[in-house]
Amino acid sequence: MVNLRLKRCGKKQRAFYRIVAIDLRSRREGRDLRKVAFYDPIKNQTYLNIPVILYFLEHGAQPTGTFQDIEKR
């Protein structure tokens, strides 16, 4: 099963997140299937690749709660 969730990147105290399609059993920093979005909470920037996100959602991917909050904004 595939999840859409955040993957932490960056330095200490300067984290940013990639939103990735990843296997449900993988770790947070595990190997992802595809990068679908980008979120920087420090600069308050978000980039969503909508067609790719819709593709994964149509094929049964489950978004996490955090991803859903970012998507609503």
PDB file of N, CA and C in Angstrom:
ATOM      1  N   MET A   1       0.840  -1.177   0.000  1.00  0.00           N
ATOM      2  CA  MET A   1       0.000   0.000   0.000  1.00  0.00           C
ATOM      3  C   MET A   1       0.887   1.243   0.000  1.00  0.00           C
ATOM      4  N   VAL A   2       0.430   2.278  -0.663  1.00  0.00           N
ATOM      5  CA  VAL A   2       1.214   3.505  -0.821  1.00  0.00           C
ATOM      6  C   VAL A   2       0.625   4.609   0.053  1.00  0.00           C
ATOM      7  N   ASN A   3       1.504   5.389   0.649  1.00  0.00           N
ATOM      8  CA  ASN A   3       1.121   6.542   1.457  1.00  0.00           C
ATOM      9  C   ASN A   3       1.682   7.811   0.830  1.00  0.00           C
ATOM     10  N   LEU A   4       0.984   8.917   0.994  1.00  0.00           N
ATOM     11  CA  LEU A   4       1.525  10.239   0.663  1.00  0.00           C
ATOM     12  C   LEU A   4       1.876  10.881   1.992  1.00  0.00           C
ATOM     13  N   ARG A   5       3.174  11.061   2.245  1.00  0.00           N
ATOM     14  CA  ARG A   5       3.588  11.598   3.533  1.00  0.00           C
ATOM     15  C   ARG A   5       4.832  12.452   3.411  1.00  0.00           C
ATOM     16  N   LEU A   6       5.196  13.109   4.513  1.00  0.00           N
ATOM     17  CA  LEU A   6       6.321  14.025   4.518  1.00  0.00           C
ATOM     18  C   LEU A   6       7.634  13.289   4.766  1.00  0.00           C
ATOM     19  N   LYS A   7       8.668  13.753   4.079  1.00  0.00           N
ATOM     20  CA  LYS A   7      10.017  13.228   4.251  1.00  0.00           C
ATOM     21  C   LYS A   7      10.899  14.403   4.648  1.00  0.00           C
ATOM     22  N   ARG A   8      11.533  14.335   5.809  1.00  0.00           N
ATOM     23  CA  ARG A   8      12.297  15.454   6.346  1.00  0.00           C
ATOM     24  C   ARG A   8      13.643  15.584   5.642  1.00  0.00           C
ATOM     25  N   CYS A   9      14.002  16.823   5.291  1.00  0.00           N
ATOM     26  CA  CYS A   9      15.280  17.124   4.657  1.00  0.00           C
ATOM     27  C   CYS A   9      15.833  18.394   5.301  1.00  0.00           C
ATOM     28  N   GLY A  10      17.063  18.743   4.986  1.00  0.00           N
ATOM     29  CA  GLY A  10      17.649  19.979   5.485  1.00  0.00           C
ATOM     30  C   GLY A  10      18.518  19.770   6.710  1.00  0.00           C
ATOM     31  N   LYS A  11      18.990  20.904   7.250  1.00  0.00           N
ATOM     32  CA  LYS A  11      19.871  20.878   8.418  1.00  0.00           C
ATOM     33  C   LYS A  11      19.071  20.937   9.713  1.00  0.00           C
ATOM     34  N   LYS A  12      19.789  20.832  10.817  1.00  0.00           N
ATOM     35  CA  LYS A  12      19.154  21.014  12.118  1.00  0.00           C
ATOM     36  C   LYS A  12      18.589  22.423  12.209  1.00  0.00           C
ATOM     37  N   GLN A  13      17.416  22.552  12.762  1.00  0.00           N
ATOM     38  CA  GLN A  13      16.732  23.829  12.948  1.00  0.00           C
ATOM     39  C   GLN A  13      16.368  24.520  11.626  1.00  0.00           C
ATOM     40  N   ARG A  14      16.627  23.920  10.484  1.00  0.00           N
ATOM     41  CA  ARG A  14      16.301  24.499   9.168  1.00  0.00           C
ATOM     42  C   ARG A  14      15.639  23.442   8.291  1.00  0.00           C
ATOM     43  N   ALA A  15      14.733  22.693   8.861  1.00  0.00           N
ATOM     44  CA  ALA A  15      14.127  21.573   8.152  1.00  0.00           C
ATOM     45  C   ALA A  15      13.143  22.052   7.094  1.00  0.00           C
ATOM     46  N   PHE A  16      13.099  21.323   6.006  1.00  0.00           N
ATOM     47  CA  PHE A  16      12.038  21.449   5.023  1.00  0.00           C
ATOM     48  C   PHE A  16      11.609  20.035   4.681  1.00  0.00           C
ATOM     49  N   TYR A  17      10.482  19.908   4.030  1.00  0.00           N
ATOM     50  CA  TYR A  17       9.909  18.596   3.811  1.00  0.00           C
ATOM     51  C   TYR A  17       9.573  18.382   2.343  1.00  0.00           C
ATOM     52  N   ARG A  18       9.822  17.169   1.881  1.00  0.00           N
ATOM     53  CA  ARG A  18       9.344  16.731   0.579  1.00  0.00           C
ATOM     54  C   ARG A  18       8.146  15.836   0.841  1.00  0.00           C
ATOM     55  N   ILE A  19       7.119  16.025   0.082  1.00  0.00           N
ATOM     56  CA  ILE A  19       5.971  15.144   0.190  1.00  0.00           C
ATOM     57  C   ILE A  19       6.153  14.085  -0.881  1.00  0.00           C
ATOM     58  N   VAL A  20       6.176  12.828  -0.450  1.00  0.00           N
ATOM     59  CA  VAL A  20       6.531  11.738  -1.342  1.00  0.00           C
ATOM     60  C   VAL A  20       5.474  10.646  -1.304  1.00  0.00           C
ATOM     61  N   ALA A  21       5.415   9.894  -2.385  1.00  0.00           N
ATOM     62  CA  ALA A  21       4.649   8.654  -2.419  1.00  0.00           C
ATOM     63  C   ALA A  21       5.620   7.562  -1.995  1.00  0.00           C
ATOM     64  N   ILE A  22       5.280   6.851  -0.935  1.00  0.00           N
ATOM     65  CA  ILE A  22       6.208   5.892  -0.343  1.00  0.00           C
ATOM     66  C   ILE A  22       5.433   4.670   0.127  1.00  0.00           C
ATOM     67  N   ASP A  23       6.098   3.531   0.136  1.00  0.00           N
ATOM     68  CA  ASP A  23       5.477   2.307   0.621  1.00  0.00           C
ATOM     69  C   ASP A  23       5.145   2.465   2.100  1.00  0.00           C
ATOM     70  N   LEU A  24       4.022   1.959   2.516  1.00  0.00           N
ATOM     71  CA  LEU A  24       3.515   2.118   3.877  1.00  0.00           C
ATOM     72  C   LEU A  24       4.492   1.593   4.927  1.00  0.00           C
ATOM     73  N   ARG A  25       5.251   0.565   4.603  1.00  0.00           N
ATOM     74  CA  ARG A  25       6.142  -0.061   5.581  1.00  0.00           C
ATOM     75  C   ARG A  25       7.505   0.605   5.686  1.00  0.00           C
ATOM     76  N   SER A  26       7.797   1.609   4.857  1.00  0.00           N
ATOM     77  CA  SER A  26       9.107   2.252   4.850  1.00  0.00           C
ATOM     78  C   SER A  26       9.245   3.258   5.983  1.00  0.00           C
ATOM     79  N   ARG A  27      10.491   3.548   6.331  1.00  0.00           N
ATOM     80  CA  ARG A  27      10.775   4.568   7.334  1.00  0.00           C
ATOM     81  C   ARG A  27      10.486   5.947   6.771  1.00  0.00           C
ATOM     82  N   ARG A  28      10.584   6.958   7.641  1.00  0.00           N
ATOM     83  CA  ARG A  28      10.349   8.339   7.208  1.00  0.00           C
ATOM     84  C   ARG A  28      11.369   8.764   6.166  1.00  0.00           C
ATOM     85  N   GLU A  29      12.635   8.390   6.341  1.00  0.00           N
ATOM     86  CA  GLU A  29      13.673   8.745   5.371  1.00  0.00           C
ATOM     87  C   GLU A  29      13.945   7.611   4.387  1.00  0.00           C
ATOM     88  N   GLY A  30      13.029   6.667   4.276  1.00  0.00           N
ATOM     89  CA  GLY A  30      13.220   5.530   3.392  1.00  0.00           C
ATOM     90  C   GLY A  30      13.141   5.908   1.919  1.00  0.00           C
ATOM     91  N   ARG A  31      13.318   4.904   1.081  1.00  0.00           N
ATOM     92  CA  ARG A  31      13.306   5.132  -0.363  1.00  0.00           C
ATOM     93  C   ARG A  31      11.885   5.411  -0.835  1.00  0.00           C
ATOM     94  N   ASP A  32      11.723   6.516  -1.552  1.00  0.00           N
ATOM     95  CA  ASP A  32      10.392   6.896  -2.007  1.00  0.00           C
ATOM     96  C   ASP A  32      10.148   6.445  -3.441  1.00  0.00           C
ATOM     97  N   LEU A  33       8.873   6.317  -3.793  1.00  0.00           N
ATOM     98  CA  LEU A  33       8.499   5.960  -5.159  1.00  0.00           C
ATOM     99  C   LEU A  33       8.582   7.171  -6.081  1.00  0.00           C
ATOM    100  N   ARG A  34       8.100   8.328  -5.577  1.00  0.00           N
ATOM    101  CA  ARG A  34       8.119   9.551  -6.378  1.00  0.00           C
ATOM    102  C   ARG A  34       7.934  10.757  -5.477  1.00  0.00           C
ATOM    103  N   LYS A  35       8.645  11.833  -5.787  1.00  0.00           N
ATOM    104  CA  LYS A  35       8.460  13.095  -5.081  1.00  0.00           C
ATOM    105  C   LYS A  35       7.280  13.821  -5.715  1.00  0.00           C
ATOM    106  N   VAL A  36       6.300  14.217  -4.901  1.00  0.00           N
ATOM    107  CA  VAL A  36       5.097  14.816  -5.459  1.00  0.00           C
ATOM    108  C   VAL A  36       4.896  16.261  -5.020  1.00  0.00           C
ATOM    109  N   ALA A  37       5.591  16.715  -3.975  1.00  0.00           N
ATOM    110  CA  ALA A  37       5.381  18.077  -3.499  1.00  0.00           C
ATOM    111  C   ALA A  37       6.557  18.509  -2.622  1.00  0.00           C
ATOM    112  N   PHE A  38       6.534  19.779  -2.225  1.00  0.00           N
ATOM    113  CA  PHE A  38       7.585  20.392  -1.429  1.00  0.00           C
ATOM    114  C   PHE A  38       6.928  21.325  -0.425  1.00  0.00           C
ATOM    115  N   TYR A  39       7.400  21.327   0.821  1.00  0.00           N
ATOM    116  CA  TYR A  39       6.846  22.206   1.854  1.00  0.00           C
ATOM    117  C   TYR A  39       7.973  22.745   2.723  1.00  0.00           C
ATOM    118  N   ASP A  40       8.060  24.077   2.816  1.00  0.00           N
ATOM    119  CA  ASP A  40       9.054  24.737   3.654  1.00  0.00           C
ATOM    120  C   ASP A  40       8.322  25.554   4.718  1.00  0.00           C
ATOM    121  N   PRO A  41       8.267  25.072   5.964  1.00  0.00           N
ATOM    122  CA  PRO A  41       7.515  25.797   6.999  1.00  0.00           C
ATOM    123  C   PRO A  41       8.187  27.091   7.441  1.00  0.00           C
ATOM    124  N   ILE A  42       9.483  27.217   7.250  1.00  0.00           N
ATOM    125  CA  ILE A  42      10.198  28.425   7.670  1.00  0.00           C
ATOM    126  C   ILE A  42       9.852  29.589   6.752  1.00  0.00           C
ATOM    127  N   LYS A  43       9.910  29.359   5.446  1.00  0.00           N
ATOM    128  CA  LYS A  43       9.569  30.401   4.470  1.00  0.00           C
ATOM    129  C   LYS A  43       8.095  30.386   4.106  1.00  0.00           C
ATOM    130  N   ASN A  44       7.357  29.412   4.630  1.00  0.00           N
ATOM    131  CA  ASN A  44       5.935  29.239   4.363  1.00  0.00           C
ATOM    132  C   ASN A  44       5.662  29.111   2.862  1.00  0.00           C
ATOM    133  N   GLN A  45       6.439  28.247   2.198  1.00  0.00           N
ATOM    134  CA  GLN A  45       6.281  27.981   0.772  1.00  0.00           C
ATOM    135  C   GLN A  45       5.795  26.557   0.569  1.00  0.00           C
ATOM    136  N   THR A  46       4.916  26.394  -0.398  1.00  0.00           N
ATOM    137  CA  THR A  46       4.412  25.069  -0.742  1.00  0.00           C
ATOM    138  C   THR A  46       4.325  24.953  -2.248  1.00  0.00           C
ATOM    139  N   TYR A  47       4.780  23.835  -2.767  1.00  0.00           N
ATOM    140  CA  TYR A  47       4.639  23.525  -4.183  1.00  0.00           C
ATOM    141  C   TYR A  47       3.994  22.149  -4.282  1.00  0.00           C
ATOM    142  N   LEU A  48       2.841  22.057  -4.931  1.00  0.00           N
ATOM    143  CA  LEU A  48       2.141  20.792  -5.105  1.00  0.00           C
ATOM    144  C   LEU A  48       2.059  20.454  -6.582  1.00  0.00           C
ATOM    145  N   ASN A  49       2.439  19.258  -6.937  1.00  0.00           N
ATOM    146  CA  ASN A  49       2.302  18.765  -8.307  1.00  0.00           C
ATOM    147  C   ASN A  49       0.950  18.047  -8.376  1.00  0.00           C
ATOM    148  N   ILE A  50      -0.103  18.802  -8.652  1.00  0.00           N
ATOM    149  CA  ILE A  50      -1.477  18.323  -8.557  1.00  0.00           C
ATOM    150  C   ILE A  50      -1.751  17.089  -9.430  1.00  0.00           C
ATOM    151  N   PRO A  51      -1.341  17.051 -10.716  1.00  0.00           N
ATOM    152  CA  PRO A  51      -1.644  15.853 -11.524  1.00  0.00           C
ATOM    153  C   PRO A  51      -1.051  14.574 -10.939  1.00  0.00           C
ATOM    154  N   VAL A  52       0.148  14.646 -10.405  1.00  0.00           N
ATOM    155  CA  VAL A  52       0.785  13.453  -9.837  1.00  0.00           C
ATOM    156  C   VAL A  52       0.075  13.047  -8.539  1.00  0.00           C
ATOM    157  N   ILE A  53      -0.295  14.029  -7.716  1.00  0.00           N
ATOM    158  CA  ILE A  53      -1.006  13.731  -6.472  1.00  0.00           C
ATOM    159  C   ILE A  53      -2.344  13.062  -6.785  1.00  0.00           C
ATOM    160  N   LEU A  54      -3.078  13.592  -7.759  1.00  0.00           N
ATOM    161  CA  LEU A  54      -4.359  12.998  -8.133  1.00  0.00           C
ATOM    162  C   LEU A  54      -4.185  11.582  -8.678  1.00  0.00           C
ATOM    163  N   TYR A  55      -3.113  11.359  -9.431  1.00  0.00           N
ATOM    164  CA  TYR A  55      -2.843  10.026  -9.960  1.00  0.00           C
ATOM    165  C   TYR A  55      -2.695   9.016  -8.825  1.00  0.00           C
ATOM    166  N   PHE A  56      -1.887   9.358  -7.817  1.00  0.00           N
ATOM    167  CA  PHE A  56      -1.674   8.427  -6.708  1.00  0.00           C
ATOM    168  C   PHE A  56      -2.946   8.246  -5.877  1.00  0.00           C
ATOM    169  N   LEU A  57      -3.725   9.313  -5.678  1.00  0.00           N
ATOM    170  CA  LEU A  57      -4.963   9.192  -4.917  1.00  0.00           C
ATOM    171  C   LEU A  57      -5.980   8.318  -5.649  1.00  0.00           C
ATOM    172  N   GLU A  58      -6.046   8.436  -6.974  1.00  0.00           N
ATOM    173  CA  GLU A  58      -6.958   7.603  -7.764  1.00  0.00           C
ATOM    174  C   GLU A  58      -6.565   6.129  -7.724  1.00  0.00           C
ATOM    175  N   HIS A  59      -5.280   5.859  -7.550  1.00  0.00           N
ATOM    176  CA  HIS A  59      -4.801   4.483  -7.520  1.00  0.00           C
ATOM    177  C   HIS A  59      -4.681   3.942  -6.097  1.00  0.00           C
ATOM    178  N   GLY A  60      -5.330   4.577  -5.130  1.00  0.00           N
ATOM    179  CA  GLY A  60      -5.441   4.003  -3.791  1.00  0.00           C
ATOM    180  C   GLY A  60      -4.451   4.481  -2.754  1.00  0.00           C
ATOM    181  N   ALA A  61      -3.669   5.498  -3.027  1.00  0.00           N
ATOM    182  CA  ALA A  61      -2.730   6.002  -2.027  1.00  0.00           C
ATOM    183  C   ALA A  61      -3.497   6.686  -0.896  1.00  0.00           C
ATOM    184  N   GLN A  62      -3.007   6.522   0.326  1.00  0.00           N
ATOM    185  CA  GLN A  62      -3.640   7.118   1.494  1.00  0.00           C
ATOM    186  C   GLN A  62      -2.807   8.304   1.978  1.00  0.00           C
ATOM    187  N   PRO A  63      -3.366   9.517   2.006  1.00  0.00           N
ATOM    188  CA  PRO A  63      -2.623  10.671   2.519  1.00  0.00           C
ATOM    189  C   PRO A  63      -2.612  10.666   4.041  1.00  0.00           C
ATOM    190  N   THR A  64      -1.519  11.147   4.627  1.00  0.00           N
ATOM    191  CA  THR A  64      -1.458  11.278   6.078  1.00  0.00           C
ATOM    192  C   THR A  64      -2.201  12.536   6.499  1.00  0.00           C
ATOM    193  N   GLY A  65      -2.453  12.669   7.780  1.00  0.00           N
ATOM    194  CA  GLY A  65      -3.162  13.831   8.296  1.00  0.00           C
ATOM    195  C   GLY A  65      -2.411  15.123   8.062  1.00  0.00           C
ATOM    196  N   THR A  66      -1.104  15.102   8.238  1.00  0.00           N
ATOM    197  CA  THR A  66      -0.287  16.287   8.023  1.00  0.00           C
ATOM    198  C   THR A  66      -0.335  16.728   6.567  1.00  0.00           C
ATOM    199  N   PHE A  67      -0.259  15.781   5.657  1.00  0.00           N
ATOM    200  CA  PHE A  67      -0.347  16.110   4.237  1.00  0.00           C
ATOM    201  C   PHE A  67      -1.705  16.717   3.897  1.00  0.00           C
ATOM    202  N   GLN A  68      -2.768  16.191   4.475  1.00  0.00           N
ATOM    203  CA  GLN A  68      -4.097  16.721   4.219  1.00  0.00           C
ATOM    204  C   GLN A  68      -4.211  18.179   4.697  1.00  0.00           C
ATOM    205  N   ASP A  69      -3.604  18.496   5.839  1.00  0.00           N
ATOM    206  CA  ASP A  69      -3.626  19.874   6.338  1.00  0.00           C
ATOM    207  C   ASP A  69      -2.899  20.818   5.383  1.00  0.00           C
ATOM    208  N   ILE A  70      -1.764  20.394   4.868  1.00  0.00           N
ATOM    209  CA  ILE A  70      -0.996  21.209   3.925  1.00  0.00           C
ATOM    210  C   ILE A  70      -1.774  21.375   2.624  1.00  0.00           C
ATOM    211  N   GLU A  71      -2.410  20.306   2.174  1.00  0.00           N
ATOM    212  CA  GLU A  71      -3.161  20.326   0.929  1.00  0.00           C
ATOM    213  C   GLU A  71      -4.356  21.286   1.004  1.00  0.00           C
ATOM    214  N   LYS A  72      -5.004  21.359   2.162  1.00  0.00           N
ATOM    215  CA  LYS A  72      -6.147  22.257   2.323  1.00  0.00           C
ATOM    216  C   LYS A  72      -5.751  23.718   2.211  1.00  0.00           C
ATOM    217  N   ARG A  73      -4.559  24.067   2.695  1.00  0.00           N
ATOM    218  CA  ARG A  73      -4.094  25.449   2.610  1.00  0.00           C
ATOM    219  C   ARG A  73      -3.741  25.759   1.175  1.00  0.00           C
TER     220      ARG A  73
END
